[in-house]
Amino acid sequence: MFLSTLGIKQWCCLKWVRSRGESPEKTERARVRSEERDFLKTFHLDLPKVPSHYCRSFSSKMYLEPVFKSLSHLHTKYKRSCAEHGIQSLSRQVFTNIFNDLNLSFFHPKKPKCDTCCSFKAGNIEAATWEEHCLKKDTARAMKQKDKDEAGGKTLVACMDLQWLLLCPKLQASTLYYKTNISVHNFTIFDMSSQDATNYLWHEGEAGLFANEFASCIVHFLEANPSYEEYILWSDGCGYQNRNLLLSNALLKFVTEKQNIVTQKYLERGHTQMECDSVHSVIERKLTDREICVPAEYAAVFRGARSNPRPYHVRYVDHSFFTDFSQVTICKSIRPGKKAGDPTVHDCLLN
């Protein structure tokens, strides 16, 4: 009757009664327990995270850098850290609960599955929408294969993409897992005719991941191949990387000065596998168990990753390499519509 009158649970009442008779030892243990949990939360929050480009940009989760293989691996590092700081480590269950409460996850470099195909499989979209999506996918792939078959002569056909996150230093020393690493970026442009790959390599101390960086790499690649009259560039539809006003103006400036033709073509979202992905795969295999102390060491690994038909070209660049194309205003907008509901830049090809 007492519990029902106050609308409380039995465990709550029992806890109040027991707390009145708690000994000083129990109070001290509760304080220590609180310190242990605070240390665990700090341990989780201090772990280096992956930039949003390399994971789901619209996800609220925070992704750990790809230096931890599993929760067991991470828990082992946590226990070592506790021993170094003289803190009693908490159980694996408590460790996992706090890890989940902080909305953390592991970053696993891989090609994500197509959202549209997964939604159709789960019955969340209509068959007509999925069939249209598949038609676009097949049309884009057929067009890319046609361009690839016809490449050569006066036409250069290339695909391009940014490799997954690289970290520096990349060592096996356990203490480095808790230090902030430098992000290293590799933008690859692959010539489908000659099978040559050019890797533009830089670290975050020299530049970031903005439209200017990618536009500078693309224009430099085109200028390094001046014997062609037409260039066809295949890529995914990443807005700030391949489909934006700044890059369009940079390419317009190039074709105006060189009197050439540049055509941008995009694969269907979710199905953006390209030949340049093989370059990244070869590089990642070469980096397995390889220790990297400074960013420049990545360049040596890239050059030695392939020998046939030729080694990869590597451009290890600094901040002086990048051009500011924001002042180029040949084109005011690349969006085909202005009102809500009108087509956007993701609904068209840019020539």
Protein backbone atom coordinates (compact mmCIF):
# COMPACT_ATOMS: atom_id res chain seq x y z
CA MET A 1 0.00 0.00 0.00
CA PHE A 2 2.87 2.35 0.84
CA LEU A 3 4.58 1.76 -2.51
CA SER A 4 1.32 2.06 -4.45
CA THR A 5 0.35 5.29 -2.66
CA LEU A 6 3.67 6.98 -3.50
CA GLY A 7 3.93 5.35 -6.94
CA ILE A 8 7.45 4.04 -6.44
CA LYS A 9 9.13 0.70 -7.04
CA GLN A 10 10.30 -1.69 -4.36
CA TRP A 11 13.95 -1.49 -5.35
CA CYS A 12 13.89 2.30 -4.98
CA CYS A 13 12.57 2.11 -1.44
CA LEU A 14 15.07 -0.58 -0.46
CA LYS A 15 17.93 1.50 -1.83
CA TRP A 16 16.88 4.47 0.33
CA VAL A 17 16.73 2.31 3.45
CA ARG A 18 20.10 0.69 2.78
CA SER A 19 21.80 3.99 1.99
CA ARG A 20 21.07 5.27 5.52
CA GLY A 21 23.12 2.52 7.04
CA GLU A 22 26.04 2.62 4.60
CA SER A 23 29.45 2.45 6.20
CA PRO A 24 32.23 4.94 5.41
CA GLU A 25 33.97 2.12 3.51
CA LYS A 26 31.02 1.80 1.14
CA THR A 27 30.89 5.55 0.62
CA GLU A 28 34.57 5.59 -0.20
CA ARG A 29 34.12 2.69 -2.61
CA ALA A 30 31.33 4.57 -4.37
CA ARG A 31 33.62 7.56 -4.76
CA VAL A 32 36.39 5.37 -6.17
CA ARG A 33 33.89 3.71 -8.49
CA SER A 34 32.86 7.10 -9.78
CA GLU A 35 36.50 8.01 -10.46
CA GLU A 36 36.98 4.74 -12.37
CA ARG A 37 33.97 5.47 -14.57
CA ASP A 38 35.15 9.05 -15.17
CA PHE A 39 38.57 7.72 -16.20
CA LEU A 40 36.92 5.27 -18.60
CA LYS A 41 34.82 8.02 -20.19
CA THR A 42 37.91 10.21 -20.57
CA PHE A 43 39.76 7.27 -22.14
CA HIS A 44 36.99 6.88 -24.74
CA LEU A 45 36.71 10.60 -25.47
CA ASP A 46 40.48 11.00 -25.92
CA LEU A 47 40.67 8.34 -28.61
CA PRO A 48 41.42 9.83 -32.07
CA LYS A 49 38.39 9.99 -34.37
CA VAL A 50 38.07 9.74 -38.15
CA PRO A 51 37.06 12.87 -40.13
CA SER A 52 33.47 12.79 -41.40
CA HIS A 53 34.51 12.37 -45.06
CA TYR A 54 35.75 8.85 -44.38
CA CYS A 55 32.54 7.60 -42.81
CA ARG A 56 28.86 8.39 -42.98
CA SER A 57 28.75 12.17 -43.09
CA PHE A 58 25.18 12.37 -41.78
CA SER A 59 25.65 9.87 -38.94
CA SER A 60 25.69 10.99 -35.31
CA LYS A 61 28.17 8.26 -34.44
CA MET A 62 31.82 9.03 -33.82
CA TYR A 63 34.18 6.62 -35.58
CA LEU A 64 37.53 5.65 -34.11
CA GLU A 65 40.60 5.74 -36.32
CA PRO A 66 41.33 2.34 -37.94
CA VAL A 67 44.04 1.35 -35.45
CA PHE A 68 41.76 -0.71 -33.22
CA LYS A 69 40.54 -4.07 -34.51
CA SER A 70 37.79 -4.86 -32.01
CA LEU A 71 36.34 -4.10 -28.57
CA SER A 72 38.62 -6.77 -27.09
CA HIS A 73 41.64 -5.05 -28.61
CA LEU A 74 40.48 -1.68 -27.29
CA HIS A 75 39.70 -3.10 -23.82
CA THR A 76 43.23 -4.52 -23.60
CA LYS A 77 44.65 -1.07 -24.32
CA TYR A 78 42.31 0.40 -21.70
CA LYS A 79 43.57 -2.00 -19.01
CA ARG A 80 47.16 -1.07 -19.83
CA SER A 81 46.28 2.60 -19.53
CA CYS A 82 44.64 1.95 -16.14
CA ALA A 83 47.77 0.19 -14.91
CA GLU A 84 49.92 3.14 -16.01
CA HIS A 85 47.70 5.61 -14.11
CA GLY A 86 47.13 3.45 -11.03
CA ILE A 87 43.38 3.07 -11.69
CA GLN A 88 41.39 -0.12 -11.17
CA SER A 89 40.05 -1.23 -14.56
CA LEU A 90 36.33 -1.85 -14.93
CA SER A 91 34.77 -4.99 -16.36
CA ARG A 92 34.37 -5.67 -20.06
CA GLN A 93 30.59 -5.28 -19.71
CA VAL A 94 30.85 -1.81 -18.15
CA PHE A 95 33.48 -0.89 -20.74
CA THR A 96 31.14 -1.92 -23.58
CA ASN A 97 28.12 -0.13 -22.07
CA ILE A 98 29.94 3.20 -21.79
CA PHE A 99 31.39 2.73 -25.30
CA ASN A 100 27.84 2.36 -26.65
CA ASP A 101 26.43 5.18 -24.49
CA LEU A 102 29.00 7.56 -26.03
CA ASN A 103 27.76 6.50 -29.49
CA LEU A 104 31.19 5.31 -30.63
CA SER A 105 31.94 2.81 -33.35
CA PHE A 106 34.88 1.32 -35.22
CA PHE A 107 35.83 2.60 -38.65
CA HIS A 108 36.31 -0.21 -41.17
CA PRO A 109 37.55 0.97 -44.58
CA LYS A 110 35.33 -0.65 -47.18
CA LYS A 111 32.93 0.21 -49.94
CA PRO A 112 29.50 0.86 -48.40
CA LYS A 113 26.43 -0.87 -49.79
CA CYS A 114 23.97 1.06 -51.92
CA ASP A 115 21.25 2.72 -49.80
CA THR A 116 18.64 2.41 -52.57
CA CYS A 117 19.27 -1.30 -53.14
CA CYS A 118 19.22 -2.01 -49.39
CA SER A 119 15.97 -0.04 -49.01
CA PHE A 120 14.35 -1.99 -51.83
CA LYS A 121 15.49 -5.28 -50.33
CA ALA A 122 13.93 -4.23 -47.02
CA GLY A 123 10.70 -3.23 -48.78
CA ASN A 124 10.99 0.48 -48.03
CA ILE A 125 10.88 1.77 -51.62
CA GLU A 126 8.78 0.88 -54.63
CA ALA A 127 9.98 -1.43 -57.39
CA ALA A 128 9.66 1.33 -60.01
CA THR A 129 12.09 3.57 -58.10
CA TRP A 130 14.59 0.75 -57.73
CA GLU A 131 14.28 -0.24 -61.40
CA GLU A 132 14.99 3.35 -62.45
CA HIS A 133 18.01 3.34 -60.15
CA CYS A 134 19.28 0.09 -61.72
CA LEU A 135 18.77 1.51 -65.21
CA LYS A 136 20.90 4.55 -64.33
CA LYS A 137 23.55 2.27 -62.83
CA ASP A 138 23.72 0.04 -65.91
CA THR A 139 23.66 3.00 -68.30
CA ALA A 140 26.54 4.72 -66.49
CA ARG A 141 28.62 1.56 -66.40
CA ALA A 142 27.98 0.83 -70.08
CA MET A 143 28.95 4.40 -70.97
CA LYS A 144 32.15 4.15 -68.94
CA GLN A 145 33.07 0.88 -70.62
CA LYS A 146 32.40 2.42 -74.03
CA ASP A 147 34.63 5.40 -73.21
CA LYS A 148 37.31 3.03 -71.94
CA ASP A 149 37.22 0.95 -75.13
CA GLU A 150 37.47 4.07 -77.29
CA ALA A 151 40.20 5.73 -75.20
CA GLY A 152 43.48 6.59 -76.89
CA GLY A 153 44.50 8.76 -79.79
CA LYS A 154 43.38 12.29 -79.00
CA THR A 155 41.04 11.33 -76.16
CA LEU A 156 42.14 10.66 -72.58
CA VAL A 157 39.68 8.79 -70.36
CA ALA A 158 40.43 8.77 -66.64
CA CYS A 159 38.72 7.97 -63.36
CA MET A 160 39.53 9.54 -60.00
CA ASP A 161 38.82 9.08 -56.32
CA LEU A 162 40.16 9.81 -52.85
CA GLN A 163 41.69 6.92 -50.93
CA TRP A 164 40.47 6.03 -47.45
CA LEU A 165 42.14 7.75 -44.53
CA LEU A 166 45.87 7.25 -44.00
CA LEU A 167 47.45 7.98 -40.62
CA CYS A 168 50.91 9.06 -39.59
CA PRO A 169 52.74 7.81 -37.62
CA LYS A 170 51.60 4.25 -38.34
CA LEU A 171 53.38 2.14 -35.74
CA GLN A 172 52.69 -0.86 -33.54
CA ALA A 173 53.70 0.92 -30.32
CA SER A 174 50.72 0.85 -27.97
CA THR A 175 51.26 4.35 -26.55
CA LEU A 176 50.76 5.88 -30.00
CA TYR A 177 47.17 4.64 -30.08
CA TYR A 178 46.21 7.44 -27.70
CA LYS A 179 48.08 10.21 -29.50
CA THR A 180 46.62 12.46 -32.17
CA ASN A 181 47.88 11.34 -35.58
CA ILE A 182 48.32 13.36 -38.75
CA SER A 183 45.78 12.65 -41.48
CA VAL A 184 47.39 11.90 -44.85
CA HIS A 185 45.34 12.17 -48.08
CA ASN A 186 45.86 10.44 -51.41
CA PHE A 187 43.86 11.56 -54.46
CA THR A 188 44.31 9.12 -57.36
CA ILE A 189 43.69 9.75 -61.07
CA PHE A 190 43.84 6.63 -63.25
CA ASP A 191 44.41 6.69 -67.02
CA MET A 192 42.20 3.88 -68.40
CA SER A 193 44.15 3.60 -71.65
CA SER A 194 47.76 3.47 -70.44
CA GLN A 195 46.90 2.00 -66.99
CA ASP A 196 49.06 4.70 -65.41
CA ALA A 197 48.00 6.05 -62.03
CA THR A 198 48.97 9.43 -60.60
CA ASN A 199 48.73 9.77 -56.81
CA TYR A 200 48.60 13.26 -55.30
CA LEU A 201 49.75 12.90 -51.71
CA TRP A 202 49.62 15.52 -48.95
CA HIS A 203 49.01 15.74 -45.22
CA GLU A 204 46.65 17.93 -43.21
CA GLY A 205 49.48 20.28 -42.22
CA GLU A 206 49.74 21.39 -45.86
CA ALA A 207 46.09 21.37 -46.97
CA GLY A 208 42.67 19.96 -46.18
CA LEU A 209 39.90 18.28 -48.15
CA PHE A 210 38.21 21.17 -49.93
CA ALA A 211 37.24 21.87 -53.52
CA ASN A 212 40.45 23.85 -54.19
CA GLU A 213 42.66 20.87 -53.35
CA PHE A 214 40.88 18.51 -55.75
CA ALA A 215 40.57 21.13 -58.50
CA SER A 216 44.31 21.81 -58.28
CA CYS A 217 45.13 18.11 -58.64
CA ILE A 218 42.77 17.62 -61.58
CA VAL A 219 43.98 20.70 -63.48
CA HIS A 220 47.60 19.71 -62.87
CA PHE A 221 46.89 16.22 -64.26
CA LEU A 222 45.29 17.70 -67.39
CA GLU A 223 48.18 20.10 -67.91
CA ALA A 224 50.63 17.23 -67.52
CA ASN A 225 48.98 15.49 -70.49
CA PRO A 226 48.86 18.27 -73.11
CA SER A 227 48.81 16.06 -76.21
CA TYR A 228 45.07 15.28 -75.98
CA GLU A 229 42.22 17.25 -77.46
CA GLU A 230 39.48 15.80 -75.26
CA TYR A 231 39.47 14.64 -71.64
CA ILE A 232 36.72 12.49 -70.11
CA LEU A 233 36.74 12.34 -66.31
CA TRP A 234 34.77 9.66 -64.46
CA SER A 235 34.11 9.94 -60.74
CA ASP A 236 31.53 9.52 -58.03
CA GLY A 237 29.07 12.32 -57.27
CA CYS A 238 30.78 13.72 -54.17
CA GLY A 239 29.73 17.37 -54.15
CA TYR A 240 32.76 19.18 -52.69
CA GLN A 241 35.16 16.83 -54.48
CA ASN A 242 33.87 16.37 -58.03
CA ARG A 243 30.64 18.29 -58.56
CA ASN A 244 30.85 21.93 -57.54
CA LEU A 245 31.07 25.43 -58.97
CA LEU A 246 34.73 25.95 -58.07
CA LEU A 247 35.88 22.87 -60.02
CA SER A 248 33.65 23.79 -62.96
CA ASN A 249 35.25 27.24 -63.15
CA ALA A 250 38.73 25.72 -62.87
CA LEU A 251 38.00 23.40 -65.80
CA LEU A 252 36.38 26.21 -67.80
CA LYS A 253 39.52 28.27 -67.28
CA PHE A 254 41.64 25.34 -68.48
CA VAL A 255 39.62 24.68 -71.65
CA THR A 256 39.44 28.41 -72.44
CA GLU A 257 43.21 28.72 -72.31
CA LYS A 258 44.06 25.38 -73.96
CA GLN A 259 41.13 25.19 -76.40
CA ASN A 260 40.38 21.59 -75.38
CA ILE A 261 37.23 19.73 -74.30
CA VAL A 262 36.69 18.38 -70.78
CA THR A 263 33.68 16.18 -70.01
CA GLN A 264 32.75 15.16 -66.49
CA LYS A 265 30.71 11.99 -66.06
CA TYR A 266 29.40 10.45 -62.86
CA LEU A 267 28.52 6.93 -61.82
CA GLU A 268 25.22 6.19 -60.09
CA ARG A 269 25.31 6.72 -56.35
CA GLY A 270 26.03 3.51 -54.46
CA HIS A 271 27.67 1.86 -57.49
CA THR A 272 30.85 3.90 -57.91
CA GLN A 273 33.41 1.11 -58.28
CA MET A 274 36.18 2.29 -60.60
CA GLU A 275 39.57 1.19 -61.88
CA CYS A 276 41.34 3.58 -59.50
CA ASP A 277 40.00 1.48 -56.61
CA SER A 278 42.47 -1.25 -57.62
CA VAL A 279 45.31 1.22 -57.01
CA HIS A 280 44.09 1.83 -53.48
CA SER A 281 43.72 -1.90 -52.89
CA VAL A 282 47.31 -2.60 -53.98
CA ILE A 283 48.60 0.22 -51.78
CA GLU A 284 46.66 -0.99 -48.74
CA ARG A 285 48.11 -4.50 -49.12
CA LYS A 286 51.62 -3.04 -49.26
CA LEU A 287 50.92 -1.05 -46.10
CA THR A 288 49.97 -4.16 -44.11
CA ASP A 289 52.28 -4.38 -41.07
CA ARG A 290 54.37 -1.57 -42.57
CA GLU A 291 55.53 1.12 -40.13
CA ILE A 292 55.32 4.76 -41.25
CA CYS A 293 57.08 7.44 -39.21
CA VAL A 294 56.66 10.52 -41.43
CA PRO A 295 54.12 11.26 -44.23
CA ALA A 296 56.83 11.27 -46.92
CA GLU A 297 57.41 7.54 -46.33
CA TYR A 298 54.01 6.85 -47.87
CA ALA A 299 55.36 8.13 -51.20
CA ALA A 300 58.08 5.46 -51.22
CA VAL A 301 55.51 2.74 -50.46
CA PHE A 302 53.26 3.99 -53.29
CA ARG A 303 56.11 3.94 -55.81
CA GLY A 304 57.07 0.39 -54.87
CA ALA A 305 53.51 -0.94 -54.74
CA ARG A 306 53.46 -1.88 -58.44
CA SER A 307 56.12 -2.77 -60.97
CA ASN A 308 54.08 -3.93 -63.99
CA PRO A 309 53.41 -2.30 -66.39
CA ARG A 310 54.98 0.71 -64.62
CA PRO A 311 55.29 1.98 -61.04
CA TYR A 312 52.66 4.41 -59.86
CA HIS A 313 53.38 8.11 -60.30
CA VAL A 314 53.49 9.93 -56.97
CA ARG A 315 53.32 13.67 -56.41
CA TYR A 316 54.11 14.47 -52.78
CA VAL A 317 52.88 18.07 -52.65
CA ASP A 318 52.88 20.92 -50.18
CA HIS A 319 50.71 24.02 -49.72
CA SER A 320 52.43 25.89 -52.58
CA PHE A 321 51.11 23.32 -55.07
CA PHE A 322 47.46 24.25 -54.57
CA THR A 323 45.85 27.07 -56.57
CA ASP A 324 43.06 29.28 -55.26
CA PHE A 325 40.33 28.99 -57.90
CA SER A 326 37.76 30.86 -55.82
CA GLN A 327 38.54 34.05 -57.75
CA VAL A 328 37.67 32.42 -61.09
CA THR A 329 34.06 33.41 -61.83
CA ILE A 330 33.52 32.41 -65.46
CA CYS A 331 30.34 30.60 -64.48
CA LYS A 332 27.99 32.02 -61.81
CA SER A 333 26.09 28.82 -61.08
CA ILE A 334 25.96 25.21 -62.28
CA ARG A 335 22.49 24.43 -60.95
CA PRO A 336 19.98 23.96 -63.82
CA GLY A 337 17.05 25.26 -61.72
CA LYS A 338 16.43 27.94 -59.12
CA LYS A 339 13.11 27.12 -57.46
CA ALA A 340 12.36 24.40 -54.95
CA GLY A 341 11.74 21.15 -56.77
CA ASP A 342 13.83 22.15 -59.80
CA PRO A 343 16.70 19.84 -60.88
CA THR A 344 19.95 20.20 -58.94
CA VAL A 345 23.55 19.59 -59.98
CA HIS A 346 23.15 15.96 -58.91
CA ASP A 347 20.54 15.47 -61.66
CA CYS A 348 22.73 16.36 -64.62
CA LEU A 349 26.12 15.86 -66.25
CA LEU A 350 28.54 18.77 -66.51
CA ASN A 351 30.43 19.35 -69.75
